[in-house]
Amino acid sequence: MLSEGFDAEASPDAGLRAAVLERLLHLAESTPAGLERALSGLASPDCQWRASHPMNEMTGNAAAAARIWGPLQAAFPDIERRDSILVAGRYRQETLVAAIGHYCGTMKQDWLGIPATGKTVFLRYGEVWQIGPDCRAVQASVIWDILDVMRQAGYGRSAPREGSRGCGPARSPPTACG
């Protein structure tokens, strides 16, 4: 059962969530020159990275900079991170921080073989960060909706989608609860 490993009494405090969020925002807003520093603040040097195809799995921040974050920043130099939900908790003795939301930026260069549009693109994400004892990620799973970026770029054709298209603004109030 999924709730079997959940420990409500040992859940991380708001300070940890805020610290991880600050590091995630810093990473998204960093310049290419500051990318290595932003990654080292967020993740341990030997962090295990899992990303959407074609980036896939890798070990270490240098590999993540080269295969995930560097290409993203080059293609979207004005990228912003917009979290819709950010939660933290302990599960099976591991501290986890998870987020869903979207990155927003102008696609100025090709990205992952998708031609640049020069227009604003929304990249939806679901990310889970396993946090180690030094409050940095030891494992990162970054699942990005690359197929939707292809659709927004007018590149590639696939079967009609069953779900909703695009990223709309959050409902008011900001918590989207009413």
C-alpha atoms as a PDB file:
ATOM      1  CA  MET A   1       0.000   0.000   0.000  1.00  0.00           C
ATOM      2  CA  LEU A   2       1.303   3.452  -0.951  1.00  0.00           C
ATOM      3  CA  SER A   3       0.637   5.065   2.432  1.00  0.00           C
ATOM      4  CA  GLU A   4       2.623   2.330   4.188  1.00  0.00           C
ATOM      5  CA  GLY A   5       5.936   4.216   3.985  1.00  0.00           C
ATOM      6  CA  PHE A   6       4.540   7.704   4.630  1.00  0.00           C
ATOM      7  CA  ASP A   7       5.565   9.331   7.907  1.00  0.00           C
ATOM      8  CA  ALA A   8       3.446  12.416   8.593  1.00  0.00           C
ATOM      9  CA  GLU A   9       5.300  13.183  11.833  1.00  0.00           C
ATOM     10  CA  ALA A  10       8.673  13.378  10.067  1.00  0.00           C
ATOM     11  CA  SER A  11       7.602  15.646   7.199  1.00  0.00           C
ATOM     12  CA  PRO A  12      10.043  18.383   6.238  1.00  0.00           C
ATOM     13  CA  ASP A  13       9.351  21.837   7.500  1.00  0.00           C
ATOM     14  CA  ALA A  14       8.445  24.882   5.447  1.00  0.00           C
ATOM     15  CA  GLY A  15      12.063  26.057   5.615  1.00  0.00           C
ATOM     16  CA  LEU A  16      13.287  23.100   3.558  1.00  0.00           C
ATOM     17  CA  ARG A  17      10.554  23.608   0.953  1.00  0.00           C
ATOM     18  CA  ALA A  18      11.401  27.293   0.719  1.00  0.00           C
ATOM     19  CA  ALA A  19      15.134  26.580   0.400  1.00  0.00           C
ATOM     20  CA  VAL A  20      14.625  24.024  -2.379  1.00  0.00           C
ATOM     21  CA  LEU A  21      12.219  26.355  -4.195  1.00  0.00           C
ATOM     22  CA  GLU A  22      14.736  29.199  -3.981  1.00  0.00           C
ATOM     23  CA  ARG A  23      17.423  26.948  -5.496  1.00  0.00           C
ATOM     24  CA  LEU A  24      15.077  25.781  -8.270  1.00  0.00           C
ATOM     25  CA  LEU A  25      14.217  29.382  -9.150  1.00  0.00           C
ATOM     26  CA  HIS A  26      17.906  30.305  -9.075  1.00  0.00           C
ATOM     27  CA  LEU A  27      18.666  27.424 -11.457  1.00  0.00           C
ATOM     28  CA  ALA A  28      15.960  28.485 -13.917  1.00  0.00           C
ATOM     29  CA  GLU A  29      17.074  32.119 -13.833  1.00  0.00           C
ATOM     30  CA  SER A  30      20.822  31.493 -13.890  1.00  0.00           C
ATOM     31  CA  THR A  31      22.979  32.602 -16.778  1.00  0.00           C
ATOM     32  CA  PRO A  32      25.110  30.083 -18.666  1.00  0.00           C
ATOM     33  CA  ALA A  33      28.096  31.360 -16.677  1.00  0.00           C
ATOM     34  CA  GLY A  34      26.255  30.757 -13.387  1.00  0.00           C
ATOM     35  CA  LEU A  35      24.786  27.369 -14.308  1.00  0.00           C
ATOM     36  CA  GLU A  36      27.469  25.277 -12.570  1.00  0.00           C
ATOM     37  CA  ARG A  37      27.105  27.277  -9.342  1.00  0.00           C
ATOM     38  CA  ALA A  38      23.302  27.031  -9.439  1.00  0.00           C
ATOM     39  CA  LEU A  39      23.454  23.269  -9.963  1.00  0.00           C
ATOM     40  CA  SER A  40      25.978  22.759  -7.158  1.00  0.00           C
ATOM     41  CA  GLY A  41      23.685  24.658  -4.779  1.00  0.00           C
ATOM     42  CA  LEU A  42      20.727  22.472  -5.711  1.00  0.00           C
ATOM     43  CA  ALA A  43      22.235  19.022  -6.234  1.00  0.00           C
ATOM     44  CA  SER A  44      25.136  16.984  -4.911  1.00  0.00           C
ATOM     45  CA  PRO A  45      28.011  16.507  -7.388  1.00  0.00           C
ATOM     46  CA  ASP A  46      27.108  12.841  -7.979  1.00  0.00           C
ATOM     47  CA  CYS A  47      23.333  13.397  -8.199  1.00  0.00           C
ATOM     48  CA  GLN A  48      21.452  10.780 -10.217  1.00  0.00           C
ATOM     49  CA  TRP A  49      19.466  12.586 -12.919  1.00  0.00           C
ATOM     50  CA  ARG A  50      16.462  11.165 -14.761  1.00  0.00           C
ATOM     51  CA  ALA A  51      14.952  13.290 -17.496  1.00  0.00           C
ATOM     52  CA  SER A  52      12.501  12.963 -20.347  1.00  0.00           C
ATOM     53  CA  HIS A  53      13.703  11.366 -23.569  1.00  0.00           C
ATOM     54  CA  PRO A  54      16.053  12.142 -25.327  1.00  0.00           C
ATOM     55  CA  MET A  55      17.989  13.310 -22.249  1.00  0.00           C
ATOM     56  CA  ASN A  56      17.313  10.149 -20.194  1.00  0.00           C
ATOM     57  CA  GLU A  57      19.524   9.101 -17.246  1.00  0.00           C
ATOM     58  CA  MET A  58      22.898  10.510 -16.227  1.00  0.00           C
ATOM     59  CA  THR A  59      25.113  10.948 -13.189  1.00  0.00           C
ATOM     60  CA  GLY A  60      26.566  14.219 -11.975  1.00  0.00           C
ATOM     61  CA  ASN A  61      25.881  17.890 -12.357  1.00  0.00           C
ATOM     62  CA  ALA A  62      28.316  18.325 -15.244  1.00  0.00           C
ATOM     63  CA  ALA A  63      26.323  15.831 -17.299  1.00  0.00           C
ATOM     64  CA  ALA A  64      23.040  17.496 -16.270  1.00  0.00           C
ATOM     65  CA  ALA A  65      24.414  20.902 -17.274  1.00  0.00           C
ATOM     66  CA  ALA A  66      25.503  19.588 -20.671  1.00  0.00           C
ATOM     67  CA  ARG A  67      22.425  17.503 -21.493  1.00  0.00           C
ATOM     68  CA  ILE A  68      19.514  19.118 -19.625  1.00  0.00           C
ATOM     69  CA  TRP A  69      19.956  22.664 -18.353  1.00  0.00           C
ATOM     70  CA  GLY A  70      22.508  24.141 -20.782  1.00  0.00           C
ATOM     71  CA  PRO A  71      20.483  23.303 -23.901  1.00  0.00           C
ATOM     72  CA  LEU A  72      17.279  24.536 -22.205  1.00  0.00           C
ATOM     73  CA  GLN A  73      18.873  27.870 -21.298  1.00  0.00           C
ATOM     74  CA  ALA A  74      20.394  28.287 -24.763  1.00  0.00           C
ATOM     75  CA  ALA A  75      17.041  27.733 -26.457  1.00  0.00           C
ATOM     76  CA  PHE A  76      15.018  29.795 -23.953  1.00  0.00           C
ATOM     77  CA  PRO A  77      17.348  32.554 -22.675  1.00  0.00           C
ATOM     78  CA  ASP A  78      14.518  34.358 -20.855  1.00  0.00           C
ATOM     79  CA  ILE A  79      13.046  31.246 -19.221  1.00  0.00           C
ATOM     80  CA  GLU A  80      10.964  31.539 -16.056  1.00  0.00           C
ATOM     81  CA  ARG A  81       9.907  28.782 -13.683  1.00  0.00           C
ATOM     82  CA  ARG A  82       6.275  28.886 -12.570  1.00  0.00           C
ATOM     83  CA  ASP A  83       5.315  26.317  -9.956  1.00  0.00           C
ATOM     84  CA  SER A  84       1.642  25.431  -9.578  1.00  0.00           C
ATOM     85  CA  ILE A  85       2.151  22.942  -6.749  1.00  0.00           C
ATOM     86  CA  LEU A  86       5.219  22.352  -4.564  1.00  0.00           C
ATOM     87  CA  VAL A  87       5.053  19.736  -1.814  1.00  0.00           C
ATOM     88  CA  ALA A  88       7.556  18.029   0.452  1.00  0.00           C
ATOM     89  CA  GLY A  89       7.363  14.941   2.607  1.00  0.00           C
ATOM     90  CA  ARG A  90       9.100  11.838   3.879  1.00  0.00           C
ATOM     91  CA  TYR A  91       8.446   8.477   2.303  1.00  0.00           C
ATOM     92  CA  ARG A  92      10.332   5.280   3.209  1.00  0.00           C
ATOM     93  CA  GLN A  93      12.997   7.229   5.069  1.00  0.00           C
ATOM     94  CA  GLU A  94      13.649   9.562   2.102  1.00  0.00           C
ATOM     95  CA  THR A  95      12.965  13.294   1.983  1.00  0.00           C
ATOM     96  CA  LEU A  96      11.216  14.227  -1.259  1.00  0.00           C
ATOM     97  CA  VAL A  97      10.216  17.531  -2.812  1.00  0.00           C
ATOM     98  CA  ALA A  98       7.852  17.411  -5.791  1.00  0.00           C
ATOM     99  CA  ALA A  99       6.587  20.142  -8.090  1.00  0.00           C
ATOM    100  CA  ILE A 100       4.348  20.580 -11.085  1.00  0.00           C
ATOM    101  CA  GLY A 101       4.109  23.710 -13.158  1.00  0.00           C
ATOM    102  CA  HIS A 102       5.586  25.096 -16.327  1.00  0.00           C
ATOM    103  CA  TYR A 103       8.597  26.894 -17.664  1.00  0.00           C
ATOM    104  CA  CYS A 104       7.814  29.864 -19.872  1.00  0.00           C
ATOM    105  CA  GLY A 105      10.208  31.458 -22.325  1.00  0.00           C
ATOM    106  CA  THR A 106      10.859  32.648 -25.846  1.00  0.00           C
ATOM    107  CA  MET A 107      12.191  29.835 -28.029  1.00  0.00           C
ATOM    108  CA  LYS A 108      15.122  31.621 -29.684  1.00  0.00           C
ATOM    109  CA  GLN A 109      17.164  28.550 -30.672  1.00  0.00           C
ATOM    110  CA  ASP A 110      16.412  24.986 -31.667  1.00  0.00           C
ATOM    111  CA  TRP A 111      15.948  22.646 -28.705  1.00  0.00           C
ATOM    112  CA  LEU A 112      16.231  18.850 -28.846  1.00  0.00           C
ATOM    113  CA  GLY A 113      15.804  18.999 -32.612  1.00  0.00           C
ATOM    114  CA  ILE A 114      12.670  21.156 -32.386  1.00  0.00           C
ATOM    115  CA  PRO A 115      13.027  24.248 -34.598  1.00  0.00           C
ATOM    116  CA  ALA A 116      13.031  27.624 -32.852  1.00  0.00           C
ATOM    117  CA  THR A 117       9.792  29.578 -33.110  1.00  0.00           C
ATOM    118  CA  GLY A 118      10.780  32.992 -31.782  1.00  0.00           C
ATOM    119  CA  LYS A 119       7.534  32.800 -29.804  1.00  0.00           C
ATOM    120  CA  THR A 120       6.624  32.180 -26.177  1.00  0.00           C
ATOM    121  CA  VAL A 121       6.516  28.482 -25.325  1.00  0.00           C
ATOM    122  CA  PHE A 122       5.167  26.798 -22.206  1.00  0.00           C
ATOM    123  CA  LEU A 123       7.004  23.667 -21.076  1.00  0.00           C
ATOM    124  CA  ARG A 124       4.928  21.727 -18.545  1.00  0.00           C
ATOM    125  CA  TYR A 125       6.834  19.723 -15.957  1.00  0.00           C
ATOM    126  CA  GLY A 126       6.549  17.303 -13.101  1.00  0.00           C
ATOM    127  CA  GLU A 127       9.711  17.074 -11.007  1.00  0.00           C
ATOM    128  CA  VAL A 128      10.639  15.003  -7.961  1.00  0.00           C
ATOM    129  CA  TRP A 129      13.785  15.764  -5.983  1.00  0.00           C
ATOM    130  CA  GLN A 130      15.165  13.359  -3.373  1.00  0.00           C
ATOM    131  CA  ILE A 131      16.948  15.515  -0.815  1.00  0.00           C
ATOM    132  CA  GLY A 132      20.050  14.260   0.973  1.00  0.00           C
ATOM    133  CA  PRO A 133      21.382  15.073   4.463  1.00  0.00           C
ATOM    134  CA  ASP A 134      23.154  18.223   3.192  1.00  0.00           C
ATOM    135  CA  CYS A 135      19.797  19.563   1.877  1.00  0.00           C
ATOM    136  CA  ARG A 136      20.859  19.056  -1.749  1.00  0.00           C
ATOM    137  CA  ALA A 137      19.304  16.663  -4.237  1.00  0.00           C
ATOM    138  CA  VAL A 138      20.853  13.220  -4.506  1.00  0.00           C
ATOM    139  CA  GLN A 139      18.337  12.119  -7.133  1.00  0.00           C
ATOM    140  CA  ALA A 140      16.333  14.228  -9.573  1.00  0.00           C
ATOM    141  CA  SER A 141      13.498  13.172 -11.856  1.00  0.00           C
ATOM    142  CA  VAL A 142      12.564  15.918 -14.308  1.00  0.00           C
ATOM    143  CA  ILE A 143       9.665  14.917 -16.529  1.00  0.00           C
ATOM    144  CA  TRP A 144       8.970  17.557 -19.157  1.00  0.00           C
ATOM    145  CA  ASP A 145       6.166  17.578 -21.748  1.00  0.00           C
ATOM    146  CA  ILE A 146       8.396  17.761 -24.814  1.00  0.00           C
ATOM    147  CA  LEU A 147       5.618  16.534 -27.115  1.00  0.00           C
ATOM    148  CA  ASP A 148       3.593  19.622 -26.212  1.00  0.00           C
ATOM    149  CA  VAL A 149       6.566  21.857 -27.057  1.00  0.00           C
ATOM    150  CA  MET A 150       6.663  20.136 -30.446  1.00  0.00           C
ATOM    151  CA  ARG A 151       2.951  20.879 -30.875  1.00  0.00           C
ATOM    152  CA  GLN A 152       3.436  24.535 -29.899  1.00  0.00           C
ATOM    153  CA  ALA A 153       6.271  24.798 -32.424  1.00  0.00           C
ATOM    154  CA  GLY A 154       4.060  23.327 -35.150  1.00  0.00           C
ATOM    155  CA  TYR A 155       6.552  20.527 -35.529  1.00  0.00           C
ATOM    156  CA  GLY A 156       5.624  16.895 -35.808  1.00  0.00           C
ATOM    157  CA  ARG A 157       2.166  15.507 -36.134  1.00  0.00           C
ATOM    158  CA  SER A 158       0.572  12.980 -33.861  1.00  0.00           C
ATOM    159  CA  ALA A 159      -2.888  11.645 -33.162  1.00  0.00           C
ATOM    160  CA  PRO A 160      -5.402  14.126 -31.730  1.00  0.00           C
ATOM    161  CA  ARG A 161      -4.904  14.687 -28.019  1.00  0.00           C
ATOM    162  CA  GLU A 162      -7.480  13.648 -25.512  1.00  0.00           C
ATOM    163  CA  GLY A 163      -6.356  16.040 -22.781  1.00  0.00           C
ATOM    164  CA  SER A 164      -6.342  19.814 -22.508  1.00  0.00           C
ATOM    165  CA  ARG A 165      -4.035  21.922 -24.655  1.00  0.00           C
ATOM    166  CA  GLY A 166      -1.688  24.564 -23.382  1.00  0.00           C
ATOM    167  CA  CYS A 167      -1.141  26.067 -19.962  1.00  0.00           C
ATOM    168  CA  GLY A 168      -3.796  28.404 -18.736  1.00  0.00           C
ATOM    169  CA  PRO A 169      -3.315  30.805 -15.867  1.00  0.00           C
ATOM    170  CA  ALA A 170      -4.154  29.574 -12.395  1.00  0.00           C
ATOM    171  CA  ARG A 171      -7.662  30.343 -11.241  1.00  0.00           C
ATOM    172  CA  SER A 172      -8.195  33.001  -8.636  1.00  0.00           C
ATOM    173  CA  PRO A 173      -7.358  32.861  -5.775  1.00  0.00           C
ATOM    174  CA  PRO A 174      -3.716  31.856  -6.371  1.00  0.00           C
ATOM    175  CA  THR A 175      -4.282  28.562  -4.562  1.00  0.00           C
ATOM    176  CA  ALA A 176      -6.810  27.628  -7.282  1.00  0.00           C
ATOM    177  CA  CYS A 177      -9.124  26.330  -4.559  1.00  0.00           C
ATOM    178  CA  GLY A 178     -12.098  28.449  -5.345  1.00  0.00           C
END
